[in-house]
Amino acid sequence: MTVKKWRCGVCGYVHDGDGAPEQCPKCGAPQEKFTEIPEDQANLIDKARFTNQLHMELSGVLERVKEIADEGIADELDPACVAIFRKALQSATELQQAIKAEIVTHISKGKWG
């Protein structure tokens, strides 16, 4: 059984628990601003949390790839090396943008929280 989830009507914060918090931990809105998320939607949030976390972790790793690629480009050892680093930079940038687009899709479908 899924733990109940409550969404703040002011900022969208999602709280897991038997009841809504006294006030929103994010924006400070009072308890009455929270509404219970229906069970089917709560199940979807639970299912998607793992994948959403993986997307965020991957984006962080890609940020490091971009830093390394920038260092390799700046090093300018030879054209073939620079080409590899430029390709890594482009690929990491494109993947990060794809991840952002996927997260926006998850949010719009209620698979975030």
N, C-alpha and C. Protein backbone atom coordinates (compact mmCIF):
# COMPACT_ATOMS: atom_id res chain seq x y z
N MET A 1 0.84 -1.19 0.00
CA MET A 1 0.00 0.00 0.00
C MET A 1 0.88 1.25 0.00
N THR A 2 0.49 2.22 -0.77
CA THR A 2 1.22 3.47 -0.89
C THR A 2 0.93 4.36 0.32
N VAL A 3 1.98 5.04 0.80
CA VAL A 3 1.80 6.03 1.85
C VAL A 3 1.03 7.20 1.24
N LYS A 4 0.11 7.78 1.99
CA LYS A 4 -0.65 8.92 1.49
C LYS A 4 0.30 10.07 1.15
N LYS A 5 -0.12 10.83 0.15
CA LYS A 5 0.66 11.98 -0.28
C LYS A 5 -0.25 13.20 -0.30
N TRP A 6 0.35 14.32 0.04
CA TRP A 6 -0.38 15.58 0.13
C TRP A 6 0.39 16.64 -0.66
N ARG A 7 -0.34 17.44 -1.46
CA ARG A 7 0.32 18.47 -2.27
C ARG A 7 -0.09 19.85 -1.76
N CYS A 8 0.94 20.70 -1.61
CA CYS A 8 0.70 22.08 -1.23
C CYS A 8 0.10 22.81 -2.43
N GLY A 9 -1.03 23.46 -2.20
CA GLY A 9 -1.69 24.20 -3.27
C GLY A 9 -1.02 25.52 -3.61
N VAL A 10 -0.06 25.92 -2.79
CA VAL A 10 0.65 27.18 -3.04
C VAL A 10 1.90 26.94 -3.89
N CYS A 11 2.73 25.96 -3.48
CA CYS A 11 4.03 25.79 -4.16
C CYS A 11 4.20 24.42 -4.84
N GLY A 12 3.29 23.47 -4.58
CA GLY A 12 3.38 22.16 -5.22
C GLY A 12 4.18 21.13 -4.46
N TYR A 13 4.72 21.49 -3.29
CA TYR A 13 5.49 20.55 -2.48
C TYR A 13 4.65 19.30 -2.19
N VAL A 14 5.27 18.12 -2.27
CA VAL A 14 4.57 16.87 -1.99
C VAL A 14 5.08 16.31 -0.66
N HIS A 15 4.13 16.05 0.24
CA HIS A 15 4.43 15.50 1.57
C HIS A 15 3.92 14.07 1.65
N ASP A 16 4.76 13.17 2.17
CA ASP A 16 4.35 11.78 2.40
C ASP A 16 3.99 11.63 3.87
N GLY A 17 2.81 11.10 4.16
CA GLY A 17 2.42 10.87 5.55
C GLY A 17 0.92 10.65 5.68
N ASP A 18 0.51 10.28 6.88
CA ASP A 18 -0.92 10.02 7.13
C ASP A 18 -1.76 11.28 7.03
N GLY A 19 -1.14 12.43 7.26
CA GLY A 19 -1.85 13.70 7.16
C GLY A 19 -0.92 14.76 6.63
N ALA A 20 -1.51 15.87 6.26
CA ALA A 20 -0.73 17.00 5.76
C ALA A 20 0.06 17.61 6.92
N PRO A 21 1.22 18.19 6.64
CA PRO A 21 1.99 18.83 7.72
C PRO A 21 1.29 20.09 8.22
N GLU A 22 1.66 20.52 9.41
CA GLU A 22 1.10 21.75 10.01
C GLU A 22 1.29 22.94 9.08
N GLN A 23 2.47 23.00 8.47
CA GLN A 23 2.74 24.03 7.48
C GLN A 23 3.71 23.46 6.45
N CYS A 24 3.69 24.02 5.27
CA CYS A 24 4.54 23.55 4.19
C CYS A 24 6.01 23.80 4.51
N PRO A 25 6.84 22.75 4.44
CA PRO A 25 8.27 22.93 4.69
C PRO A 25 8.96 23.83 3.67
N LYS A 26 8.37 23.97 2.50
CA LYS A 26 9.00 24.78 1.45
C LYS A 26 8.57 26.25 1.53
N CYS A 27 7.26 26.49 1.56
CA CYS A 27 6.78 27.87 1.46
C CYS A 27 6.11 28.39 2.73
N GLY A 28 5.87 27.51 3.70
CA GLY A 28 5.25 27.94 4.95
C GLY A 28 3.73 28.04 4.92
N ALA A 29 3.11 27.61 3.83
CA ALA A 29 1.65 27.68 3.74
C ALA A 29 1.02 26.81 4.84
N PRO A 30 -0.15 27.21 5.33
CA PRO A 30 -0.79 26.43 6.40
C PRO A 30 -1.35 25.10 5.89
N GLN A 31 -1.61 24.21 6.82
CA GLN A 31 -2.07 22.85 6.53
C GLN A 31 -3.29 22.83 5.61
N GLU A 32 -4.18 23.78 5.78
CA GLU A 32 -5.41 23.77 4.97
C GLU A 32 -5.17 24.03 3.49
N LYS A 33 -3.97 24.42 3.13
CA LYS A 33 -3.63 24.60 1.71
C LYS A 33 -3.23 23.29 1.03
N PHE A 34 -3.12 22.21 1.80
CA PHE A 34 -2.75 20.91 1.26
C PHE A 34 -4.00 20.13 0.85
N THR A 35 -3.86 19.38 -0.24
CA THR A 35 -4.91 18.45 -0.65
C THR A 35 -4.29 17.07 -0.80
N GLU A 36 -5.09 16.06 -0.49
CA GLU A 36 -4.59 14.69 -0.63
C GLU A 36 -4.52 14.33 -2.10
N ILE A 37 -3.42 13.72 -2.48
CA ILE A 37 -3.23 13.26 -3.85
C ILE A 37 -3.94 11.92 -3.98
N PRO A 38 -4.77 11.74 -5.01
CA PRO A 38 -5.46 10.46 -5.18
C PRO A 38 -4.48 9.28 -5.25
N GLU A 39 -4.93 8.11 -4.79
CA GLU A 39 -4.06 6.94 -4.68
C GLU A 39 -3.38 6.56 -6.00
N ASP A 40 -4.12 6.62 -7.10
CA ASP A 40 -3.51 6.25 -8.38
C ASP A 40 -2.37 7.21 -8.74
N GLN A 41 -2.56 8.48 -8.45
CA GLN A 41 -1.51 9.47 -8.71
C GLN A 41 -0.35 9.29 -7.74
N ALA A 42 -0.64 8.97 -6.48
CA ALA A 42 0.41 8.72 -5.49
C ALA A 42 1.25 7.50 -5.90
N ASN A 43 0.60 6.48 -6.42
CA ASN A 43 1.33 5.29 -6.90
C ASN A 43 2.25 5.65 -8.06
N LEU A 44 1.77 6.51 -8.95
CA LEU A 44 2.58 6.94 -10.09
C LEU A 44 3.81 7.72 -9.60
N ILE A 45 3.62 8.59 -8.62
CA ILE A 45 4.74 9.35 -8.06
C ILE A 45 5.76 8.39 -7.46
N ASP A 46 5.29 7.42 -6.67
CA ASP A 46 6.20 6.44 -6.06
C ASP A 46 7.01 5.70 -7.12
N LYS A 47 6.31 5.26 -8.15
CA LYS A 47 6.97 4.49 -9.21
C LYS A 47 8.02 5.31 -9.95
N ALA A 48 7.73 6.59 -10.16
CA ALA A 48 8.62 7.44 -10.95
C ALA A 48 9.78 8.03 -10.15
N ARG A 49 9.70 8.04 -8.83
CA ARG A 49 10.75 8.68 -8.03
C ARG A 49 12.13 8.10 -8.30
N PHE A 50 12.23 6.79 -8.44
CA PHE A 50 13.53 6.16 -8.68
C PHE A 50 14.13 6.64 -10.00
N THR A 51 13.34 6.60 -11.05
CA THR A 51 13.82 7.03 -12.36
C THR A 51 14.16 8.52 -12.35
N ASN A 52 13.33 9.32 -11.70
CA ASN A 52 13.62 10.75 -11.63
C ASN A 52 14.95 11.01 -10.94
N GLN A 53 15.23 10.27 -9.87
CA GLN A 53 16.50 10.41 -9.17
C GLN A 53 17.67 10.02 -10.09
N LEU A 54 17.49 8.93 -10.85
CA LEU A 54 18.53 8.52 -11.79
C LEU A 54 18.79 9.60 -12.84
N HIS A 55 17.73 10.23 -13.34
CA HIS A 55 17.90 11.33 -14.30
C HIS A 55 18.73 12.45 -13.69
N MET A 56 18.43 12.80 -12.45
CA MET A 56 19.15 13.89 -11.80
C MET A 56 20.62 13.53 -11.57
N GLU A 57 20.88 12.30 -11.16
CA GLU A 57 22.26 11.85 -10.96
C GLU A 57 23.03 11.84 -12.28
N LEU A 58 22.39 11.34 -13.33
CA LEU A 58 23.04 11.31 -14.64
C LEU A 58 23.37 12.72 -15.12
N SER A 59 22.49 13.65 -14.90
CA SER A 59 22.75 15.03 -15.29
C SER A 59 23.97 15.58 -14.56
N GLY A 60 24.13 15.23 -13.29
CA GLY A 60 25.31 15.64 -12.54
C GLY A 60 26.59 15.05 -13.10
N VAL A 61 26.54 13.79 -13.47
CA VAL A 61 27.72 13.14 -14.08
C VAL A 61 28.04 13.81 -15.42
N LEU A 62 27.02 14.13 -16.18
CA LEU A 62 27.24 14.79 -17.46
C LEU A 62 27.85 16.18 -17.29
N GLU A 63 27.53 16.84 -16.20
CA GLU A 63 28.14 18.14 -15.91
C GLU A 63 29.65 17.97 -15.74
N ARG A 64 30.05 16.89 -15.07
CA ARG A 64 31.48 16.61 -14.91
C ARG A 64 32.13 16.27 -16.26
N VAL A 65 31.42 15.53 -17.12
CA VAL A 65 31.93 15.23 -18.46
C VAL A 65 32.18 16.54 -19.22
N LYS A 66 31.28 17.49 -19.10
CA LYS A 66 31.46 18.77 -19.78
C LYS A 66 32.70 19.51 -19.25
N GLU A 67 32.91 19.46 -17.95
CA GLU A 67 34.10 20.10 -17.37
C GLU A 67 35.39 19.46 -17.92
N ILE A 68 35.41 18.13 -17.94
CA ILE A 68 36.58 17.42 -18.46
C ILE A 68 36.79 17.74 -19.94
N ALA A 69 35.70 17.76 -20.70
CA ALA A 69 35.80 18.08 -22.13
C ALA A 69 36.36 19.48 -22.34
N ASP A 70 35.89 20.44 -21.54
CA ASP A 70 36.42 21.81 -21.64
C ASP A 70 37.93 21.83 -21.38
N GLU A 71 38.38 21.06 -20.38
CA GLU A 71 39.80 21.00 -20.07
C GLU A 71 40.58 20.39 -21.24
N GLY A 72 40.03 19.35 -21.85
CA GLY A 72 40.69 18.72 -22.99
C GLY A 72 40.76 19.62 -24.20
N ILE A 73 39.69 20.39 -24.42
CA ILE A 73 39.68 21.34 -25.54
C ILE A 73 40.74 22.42 -25.30
N ALA A 74 40.80 22.91 -24.07
CA ALA A 74 41.77 23.96 -23.73
C ALA A 74 43.21 23.46 -23.83
N ASP A 75 43.42 22.17 -23.57
CA ASP A 75 44.76 21.59 -23.62
C ASP A 75 45.32 21.59 -25.04
N GLU A 76 44.45 21.42 -26.03
CA GLU A 76 44.83 21.47 -27.45
C GLU A 76 46.03 20.59 -27.81
N LEU A 77 46.08 19.35 -27.32
CA LEU A 77 47.20 18.46 -27.63
C LEU A 77 47.33 18.25 -29.13
N ASP A 78 46.25 17.83 -29.77
CA ASP A 78 46.27 17.68 -31.22
C ASP A 78 44.82 17.70 -31.71
N PRO A 79 44.60 17.88 -33.01
CA PRO A 79 43.24 17.99 -33.54
C PRO A 79 42.35 16.79 -33.22
N ALA A 80 42.88 15.58 -33.26
CA ALA A 80 42.06 14.39 -32.98
C ALA A 80 41.57 14.39 -31.53
N CYS A 81 42.45 14.78 -30.61
CA CYS A 81 42.05 14.85 -29.19
C CYS A 81 40.99 15.92 -28.99
N VAL A 82 41.21 17.08 -29.57
CA VAL A 82 40.25 18.17 -29.43
C VAL A 82 38.89 17.75 -30.00
N ALA A 83 38.90 17.03 -31.11
CA ALA A 83 37.65 16.56 -31.73
C ALA A 83 36.88 15.64 -30.78
N ILE A 84 37.60 14.75 -30.10
CA ILE A 84 36.95 13.84 -29.14
C ILE A 84 36.33 14.64 -28.00
N PHE A 85 37.09 15.60 -27.47
CA PHE A 85 36.56 16.40 -26.36
C PHE A 85 35.38 17.26 -26.79
N ARG A 86 35.42 17.78 -28.01
CA ARG A 86 34.28 18.57 -28.52
C ARG A 86 33.03 17.68 -28.67
N LYS A 87 33.24 16.47 -29.15
CA LYS A 87 32.12 15.54 -29.30
C LYS A 87 31.55 15.19 -27.92
N ALA A 88 32.42 14.97 -26.94
CA ALA A 88 31.96 14.67 -25.59
C ALA A 88 31.15 15.84 -25.02
N LEU A 89 31.64 17.06 -25.25
CA LEU A 89 30.94 18.25 -24.78
C LEU A 89 29.55 18.36 -25.42
N GLN A 90 29.50 18.16 -26.72
CA GLN A 90 28.22 18.25 -27.43
C GLN A 90 27.26 17.16 -26.97
N SER A 91 27.75 15.95 -26.86
CA SER A 91 26.89 14.83 -26.45
C SER A 91 26.36 15.02 -25.03
N ALA A 92 27.24 15.45 -24.13
CA ALA A 92 26.81 15.67 -22.74
C ALA A 92 25.77 16.78 -22.66
N THR A 93 25.98 17.83 -23.42
CA THR A 93 25.02 18.95 -23.44
C THR A 93 23.67 18.49 -23.97
N GLU A 94 23.69 17.73 -25.07
CA GLU A 94 22.44 17.24 -25.66
C GLU A 94 21.71 16.29 -24.71
N LEU A 95 22.45 15.41 -24.05
CA LEU A 95 21.83 14.49 -23.10
C LEU A 95 21.23 15.24 -21.91
N GLN A 96 21.92 16.25 -21.41
CA GLN A 96 21.36 17.03 -20.31
C GLN A 96 20.06 17.71 -20.73
N GLN A 97 20.03 18.24 -21.92
CA GLN A 97 18.81 18.89 -22.40
C GLN A 97 17.68 17.86 -22.55
N ALA A 98 18.00 16.66 -23.02
CA ALA A 98 16.99 15.60 -23.14
C ALA A 98 16.46 15.21 -21.77
N ILE A 99 17.35 15.15 -20.79
CA ILE A 99 16.93 14.82 -19.42
C ILE A 99 15.99 15.90 -18.90
N LYS A 100 16.32 17.16 -19.12
CA LYS A 100 15.45 18.26 -18.67
C LYS A 100 14.07 18.15 -19.32
N ALA A 101 14.05 17.85 -20.61
CA ALA A 101 12.78 17.71 -21.31
C ALA A 101 11.97 16.55 -20.75
N GLU A 102 12.66 15.45 -20.42
CA GLU A 102 11.96 14.29 -19.85
C GLU A 102 11.41 14.61 -18.47
N ILE A 103 12.16 15.34 -17.68
CA ILE A 103 11.68 15.73 -16.35
C ILE A 103 10.46 16.63 -16.47
N VAL A 104 10.48 17.57 -17.42
CA VAL A 104 9.31 18.42 -17.65
C VAL A 104 8.10 17.55 -18.01
N THR A 105 8.32 16.54 -18.85
CA THR A 105 7.23 15.62 -19.21
C THR A 105 6.73 14.88 -17.97
N HIS A 106 7.64 14.41 -17.13
CA HIS A 106 7.23 13.73 -15.92
C HIS A 106 6.40 14.66 -15.03
N ILE A 107 6.83 15.89 -14.89
CA ILE A 107 6.09 16.85 -14.07
C ILE A 107 4.71 17.07 -14.64
N SER A 108 4.61 17.26 -15.96
CA SER A 108 3.31 17.52 -16.57
C SER A 108 2.37 16.33 -16.48
N LYS A 109 2.91 15.13 -16.36
CA LYS A 109 2.09 13.92 -16.24
C LYS A 109 1.89 13.51 -14.78
N GLY A 110 2.36 14.34 -13.84
CA GLY A 110 2.18 14.03 -12.44
C GLY A 110 3.13 12.97 -11.90
N LYS A 111 4.20 12.69 -12.64
CA LYS A 111 5.17 11.69 -12.21
C LYS A 111 6.35 12.35 -11.51
N TRP A 112 6.05 13.27 -10.61
CA TRP A 112 7.10 13.98 -9.88
C TRP A 112 6.54 14.33 -8.52
N GLY A 113 7.37 14.26 -7.53
CA GLY A 113 6.90 14.70 -6.21
C GLY A 113 7.57 14.00 -5.08
